[in-house]
PDB file of N, CA and C in Angstrom:
ATOM      1  N   MET A   1     137.897  80.046  76.506  1.00  0.00           N
ATOM      2  CA  MET A   1     137.044  78.922  76.834  1.00  0.00           C
ATOM      3  C   MET A   1     136.728  78.900  78.323  1.00  0.00           C
ATOM      4  N   LYS A   2     137.769  78.968  79.164  1.00  0.00           N
ATOM      5  CA  LYS A   2     137.556  78.923  80.605  1.00  0.00           C
ATOM      6  C   LYS A   2     136.797  80.149  81.091  1.00  0.00           C
ATOM      7  N   ASN A   3     137.072  81.302  80.491  1.00  0.00           N
ATOM      8  CA  ASN A   3     136.408  82.529  80.897  1.00  0.00           C
ATOM      9  C   ASN A   3     134.906  82.437  80.644  1.00  0.00           C
ATOM     10  N   THR A   4     134.515  81.856  79.533  1.00  0.00           N
ATOM     11  CA  THR A   4     133.101  81.699  79.209  1.00  0.00           C
ATOM     12  C   THR A   4     132.427  80.769  80.201  1.00  0.00           C
ATOM     13  N   GLN A   5     133.086  79.672  80.530  1.00  0.00           N
ATOM     14  CA  GLN A   5     132.523  78.733  81.498  1.00  0.00           C
ATOM     15  C   GLN A   5     132.408  79.382  82.869  1.00  0.00           C
ATOM     16  N   MET A   6     133.397  80.177  83.235  1.00  0.00           N
ATOM     17  CA  MET A   6     133.364  80.854  84.529  1.00  0.00           C
ATOM     18  C   MET A   6     132.228  81.867  84.573  1.00  0.00           C
ATOM     19  N   ASN A   7     132.013  82.597  83.470  1.00  0.00           N
ATOM     20  CA  ASN A   7     130.915  83.559  83.416  1.00  0.00           C
ATOM     21  C   ASN A   7     129.570  82.863  83.558  1.00  0.00           C
ATOM     22  N   LYS A   8     129.411  81.715  82.913  1.00  0.00           N
ATOM     23  CA  LYS A   8     128.163  80.959  83.035  1.00  0.00           C
ATOM     24  C   LYS A   8     127.954  80.485  84.467  1.00  0.00           C
ATOM     25  N   PHE A   9     129.035  80.029  85.099  1.00  0.00           N
ATOM     26  CA  PHE A   9     128.942  79.555  86.478  1.00  0.00           C
ATOM     27  C   PHE A   9     128.574  80.693  87.424  1.00  0.00           C
ATOM     28  N   VAL A  10     129.187  81.849  87.238  1.00  0.00           N
ATOM     29  CA  VAL A  10     128.889  83.007  88.082  1.00  0.00           C
ATOM     30  C   VAL A  10     127.445  83.447  87.877  1.00  0.00           C
ATOM     31  N   SER A  11     126.972  83.449  86.649  1.00  0.00           N
ATOM     32  CA  SER A  11     125.578  83.804  86.373  1.00  0.00           C
ATOM     33  C   SER A  11     124.628  82.825  87.042  1.00  0.00           C
ATOM     34  N   PHE A  12     124.969  81.549  86.979  1.00  0.00           N
ATOM     35  CA  PHE A  12     124.149  80.522  87.617  1.00  0.00           C
ATOM     36  C   PHE A  12     124.107  80.731  89.129  1.00  0.00           C
ATOM     37  N   CYS A  13     125.260  80.996  89.729  1.00  0.00           N
ATOM     38  CA  CYS A  13     125.322  81.211  91.180  1.00  0.00           C
ATOM     39  C   CYS A  13     124.510  82.435  91.595  1.00  0.00           C
ATOM     40  N   ARG A  14     124.567  83.486  90.799  1.00  0.00           N
ATOM     41  CA  ARG A  14     123.782  84.686  91.106  1.00  0.00           C
ATOM     42  C   ARG A  14     122.289  84.397  91.020  1.00  0.00           C
ATOM     43  N   ALA A  15     121.873  83.640  90.018  1.00  0.00           N
ATOM     44  CA  ALA A  15     120.460  83.297  89.879  1.00  0.00           C
ATOM     45  C   ALA A  15     119.989  82.442  91.049  1.00  0.00           C
ATOM     46  N   VAL A  16     120.808  81.487  91.443  1.00  0.00           N
ATOM     47  CA  VAL A  16     120.449  80.632  92.578  1.00  0.00           C
ATOM     48  C   VAL A  16     120.380  81.456  93.859  1.00  0.00           C
ATOM     49  N   ALA A  17     121.336  82.344  94.060  1.00  0.00           N
ATOM     50  CA  ALA A  17     121.339  83.191  95.258  1.00  0.00           C
ATOM     51  C   ALA A  17     120.106  84.090  95.291  1.00  0.00           C
ATOM     52  N   ARG A  18     119.735  84.640  94.145  1.00  0.00           N
ATOM     53  CA  ARG A  18     118.545  85.494  94.072  1.00  0.00           C
ATOM     54  C   ARG A  18     117.289  84.704  94.419  1.00  0.00           C
ATOM     55  N   ASP A  19     117.173  83.489  93.873  1.00  0.00           N
ATOM     56  CA  ASP A  19     116.004  82.659  94.151  1.00  0.00           C
ATOM     57  C   ASP A  19     115.953  82.227  95.611  1.00  0.00           C
ATOM     58  N   LEU A  20     117.100  81.871  96.179  1.00  0.00           N
ATOM     59  CA  LEU A  20     117.130  81.473  97.587  1.00  0.00           C
ATOM     60  C   LEU A  20     116.794  82.643  98.505  1.00  0.00           C
ATOM     61  N   THR A  21     117.234  83.836  98.138  1.00  0.00           N
ATOM     62  CA  THR A  21     116.901  85.021  98.924  1.00  0.00           C
ATOM     63  C   THR A  21     115.400  85.294  98.877  1.00  0.00           C
ATOM     64  N   ALA A  22     114.808  85.160  97.711  1.00  0.00           N
ATOM     65  CA  ALA A  22     113.363  85.345  97.584  1.00  0.00           C
ATOM     66  C   ALA A  22     112.609  84.295  98.395  1.00  0.00           C
ATOM     67  N   LEU A  23     113.056  83.061  98.335  1.00  0.00           N
ATOM     68  CA  LEU A  23     112.413  81.987  99.093  1.00  0.00           C
ATOM     69  C   LEU A  23     112.525  82.233 100.596  1.00  0.00           C
ATOM     70  N   ALA A  24     113.682  82.694 101.044  1.00  0.00           N
ATOM     71  CA  ALA A  24     113.862  83.006 102.465  1.00  0.00           C
ATOM     72  C   ALA A  24     112.954  84.159 102.890  1.00  0.00           C
ATOM     73  N   GLY A  25     112.780  85.136 102.023  1.00  0.00           N
ATOM     74  CA  GLY A  25     111.883  86.249 102.321  1.00  0.00           C
ATOM     75  C   GLY A  25     110.441  85.806 102.444  1.00  0.00           C
ATOM     76  N   VAL A  26     110.006  84.960 101.531  1.00  0.00           N
ATOM     77  CA  VAL A  26     108.640  84.431 101.587  1.00  0.00           C
ATOM     78  C   VAL A  26     108.446  83.619 102.862  1.00  0.00           C
ATOM     79  N   ALA A  27     109.428  82.789 103.189  1.00  0.00           N
ATOM     80  CA  ALA A  27     109.333  81.974 104.401  1.00  0.00           C
ATOM     81  C   ALA A  27     109.278  82.853 105.650  1.00  0.00           C
ATOM     82  N   SER A  28     110.055  83.911 105.676  1.00  0.00           N
ATOM     83  CA  SER A  28     110.066  84.801 106.839  1.00  0.00           C
ATOM     84  C   SER A  28     108.736  85.525 107.014  1.00  0.00           C
ATOM     85  N   VAL A  29     108.192  86.039 105.933  1.00  0.00           N
ATOM     86  CA  VAL A  29     106.908  86.740 106.007  1.00  0.00           C
ATOM     87  C   VAL A  29     105.800  85.776 106.416  1.00  0.00           C
ATOM     88  N   THR A  30     105.795  84.588 105.833  1.00  0.00           N
ATOM     89  CA  THR A  30     104.776  83.592 106.160  1.00  0.00           C
ATOM     90  C   THR A  30     104.881  83.168 107.622  1.00  0.00           C
ATOM     91  N   TYR A  31     106.088  82.914 108.083  1.00  0.00           N
ATOM     92  CA  TYR A  31     106.283  82.499 109.477  1.00  0.00           C
ATOM     93  C   TYR A  31     105.883  83.614 110.438  1.00  0.00           C
ATOM     94  N   GLY A  32     106.215  84.840 110.107  1.00  0.00           N
ATOM     95  CA  GLY A  32     105.824  85.966 110.952  1.00  0.00           C
ATOM     96  C   GLY A  32     104.316  86.098 111.055  1.00  0.00           C
ATOM     97  N   ALA A  33     103.623  85.934 109.945  1.00  0.00           N
ATOM     98  CA  ALA A  33     102.160  85.980 109.969  1.00  0.00           C
ATOM     99  C   ALA A  33     101.605  84.808 110.771  1.00  0.00           C
ATOM    100  N   TRP A  34     102.225  83.652 110.639  1.00  0.00           N
ATOM    101  CA  TRP A  34     101.779  82.467 111.370  1.00  0.00           C
ATOM    102  C   TRP A  34     101.948  82.651 112.878  1.00  0.00           C
ATOM    103  N   LEU A  35     103.004  83.356 113.292  1.00  0.00           N
ATOM    104  CA  LEU A  35     103.212  83.611 114.717  1.00  0.00           C
ATOM    105  C   LEU A  35     102.115  84.499 115.298  1.00  0.00           C
ATOM    106  N   VAL A  36     101.608  85.431 114.504  1.00  0.00           N
ATOM    107  CA  VAL A  36     100.555  86.320 114.976  1.00  0.00           C
ATOM    108  C   VAL A  36      99.231  85.566 115.057  1.00  0.00           C
ATOM    109  N   TYR A  37      98.881  84.865 113.985  1.00  0.00           N
ATOM    110  CA  TYR A  37      97.610  84.139 113.923  1.00  0.00           C
ATOM    111  C   TYR A  37      97.813  82.987 112.950  1.00  0.00           C
ATOM    112  N   GLU A  38      97.765  81.756 113.452  1.00  0.00           N
ATOM    113  CA  GLU A  38      98.185  80.591 112.671  1.00  0.00           C
ATOM    114  C   GLU A  38      97.547  80.496 111.279  1.00  0.00           C
ATOM    115  N   PRO A  39      96.220  80.614 111.136  1.00  0.00           N
ATOM    116  CA  PRO A  39      95.656  80.516 109.776  1.00  0.00           C
ATOM    117  C   PRO A  39      96.144  81.615 108.831  1.00  0.00           C
ATOM    118  N   MET A  40      96.560  82.744 109.387  1.00  0.00           N
ATOM    119  CA  MET A  40      97.037  83.835 108.533  1.00  0.00           C
ATOM    120  C   MET A  40      98.314  83.442 107.797  1.00  0.00           C
ATOM    121  N   GLY A  41      99.136  82.595 108.388  1.00  0.00           N
ATOM    122  CA  GLY A  41     100.349  82.130 107.713  1.00  0.00           C
ATOM    123  C   GLY A  41     100.027  81.413 106.416  1.00  0.00           C
ATOM    124  N   TYR A  42      99.003  80.571 106.457  1.00  0.00           N
ATOM    125  CA  TYR A  42      98.595  79.845 105.253  1.00  0.00           C
ATOM    126  C   TYR A  42      98.013  80.794 104.204  1.00  0.00           C
ATOM    127  N   LEU A  43      97.244  81.773 104.663  1.00  0.00           N
ATOM    128  CA  LEU A  43      96.667  82.743 103.730  1.00  0.00           C
ATOM    129  C   LEU A  43      97.750  83.596 103.069  1.00  0.00           C
ATOM    130  N   VAL A  44      98.724  84.015 103.846  1.00  0.00           N
ATOM    131  CA  VAL A  44      99.815  84.831 103.303  1.00  0.00           C
ATOM    132  C   VAL A  44     100.611  84.029 102.281  1.00  0.00           C
ATOM    133  N   PHE A  45     100.951  82.784 102.622  1.00  0.00           N
ATOM    134  CA  PHE A  45     101.709  81.957 101.684  1.00  0.00           C
ATOM    135  C   PHE A  45     100.910  81.720 100.405  1.00  0.00           C
ATOM    136  N   GLY A  46      99.629  81.427 100.529  1.00  0.00           N
ATOM    137  CA  GLY A  46      98.794  81.223  99.346  1.00  0.00           C
ATOM    138  C   GLY A  46      98.725  82.465  98.478  1.00  0.00           C
ATOM    139  N   SER A  47      98.624  83.621  99.113  1.00  0.00           N
ATOM    140  CA  SER A  47      98.577  84.878  98.357  1.00  0.00           C
ATOM    141  C   SER A  47      99.881  85.129  97.609  1.00  0.00           C
ATOM    142  N   ILE A  48     100.999  84.876  98.268  1.00  0.00           N
ATOM    143  CA  ILE A  48     102.299  85.074  97.623  1.00  0.00           C
ATOM    144  C   ILE A  48     102.485  84.081  96.479  1.00  0.00           C
ATOM    145  N   ALA A  49     102.079  82.826  96.698  1.00  0.00           N
ATOM    146  CA  ALA A  49     102.201  81.809  95.647  1.00  0.00           C
ATOM    147  C   ALA A  49     101.330  82.168  94.447  1.00  0.00           C
ATOM    148  N   LEU A  50     100.124  82.634  94.705  1.00  0.00           N
ATOM    149  CA  LEU A  50      99.230  83.036  93.619  1.00  0.00           C
ATOM    150  C   LEU A  50      99.799  84.232  92.861  1.00  0.00           C
ATOM    151  N   ALA A  51     100.347  85.201  93.579  1.00  0.00           N
ATOM    152  CA  ALA A  51     100.949  86.365  92.924  1.00  0.00           C
ATOM    153  C   ALA A  51     102.149  85.953  92.074  1.00  0.00           C
ATOM    154  N   ALA A  52     102.950  85.018  92.581  1.00  0.00           N
ATOM    155  CA  ALA A  52     104.113  84.548  91.819  1.00  0.00           C
ATOM    156  C   ALA A  52     103.689  83.792  90.570  1.00  0.00           C
ATOM    157  N   TYR A  53     102.536  83.154  90.606  1.00  0.00           N
ATOM    158  CA  TYR A  53     102.026  82.425  89.445  1.00  0.00           C
ATOM    159  C   TYR A  53     101.435  83.380  88.409  1.00  0.00           C
ATOM    160  N   ILE A  54     100.742  84.405  88.869  1.00  0.00           N
ATOM    161  CA  ILE A  54     100.032  85.311  87.960  1.00  0.00           C
ATOM    162  C   ILE A  54     100.946  86.401  87.389  1.00  0.00           C
ATOM    163  N   ALA A  55     101.928  86.859  88.148  1.00  0.00           N
ATOM    164  CA  ALA A  55     102.780  87.976  87.714  1.00  0.00           C
ATOM    165  C   ALA A  55     103.452  87.744  86.362  1.00  0.00           C
ATOM    166  N   PRO A  56     104.029  86.569  86.086  1.00  0.00           N
ATOM    167  CA  PRO A  56     104.633  86.374  84.758  1.00  0.00           C
ATOM    168  C   PRO A  56     103.612  86.432  83.619  1.00  0.00           C
ATOM    169  N   MET A  57     102.391  86.010  83.889  1.00  0.00           N
ATOM    170  CA  MET A  57     101.353  86.076  82.852  1.00  0.00           C
ATOM    171  C   MET A  57     101.015  87.524  82.524  1.00  0.00           C
ATOM    172  N   ILE A  58     100.918  88.346  83.553  1.00  0.00           N
ATOM    173  CA  ILE A  58     100.605  89.759  83.346  1.00  0.00           C
ATOM    174  C   ILE A  58     101.769  90.458  82.648  1.00  0.00           C
ATOM    175  N   ALA A  59     102.984  90.137  83.053  1.00  0.00           N
ATOM    176  CA  ALA A  59     104.166  90.759  82.448  1.00  0.00           C
ATOM    177  C   ALA A  59     104.318  90.363  80.984  1.00  0.00           C
ATOM    178  N   GLY A  60     103.885  89.159  80.635  1.00  0.00           N
ATOM    179  CA  GLY A  60     104.006  88.690  79.261  1.00  0.00           C
ATOM    180  C   GLY A  60     102.965  89.272  78.326  1.00  0.00           C
ATOM    181  N   SER A  61     101.923  89.871  78.877  1.00  0.00           N
ATOM    182  CA  SER A  61     100.843  90.422  78.039  1.00  0.00           C
ATOM    183  C   SER A  61     101.247  91.688  77.351  1.00  0.00           C
TER     184      SER A  61
END
């Protein structure tokens, strides 16, 4: 019983860590683009957000 709960908790922690790492990567790329040219930061973030929205649809096809 405890082993199953621990496995679920570890899986949850790994998923959260993966998502936080991805979010930090997106933030870093967006901020770096913003430092070079401010409007580019918004364009980069929009492009990444659009790709994240469309990718699951393409993968599901």
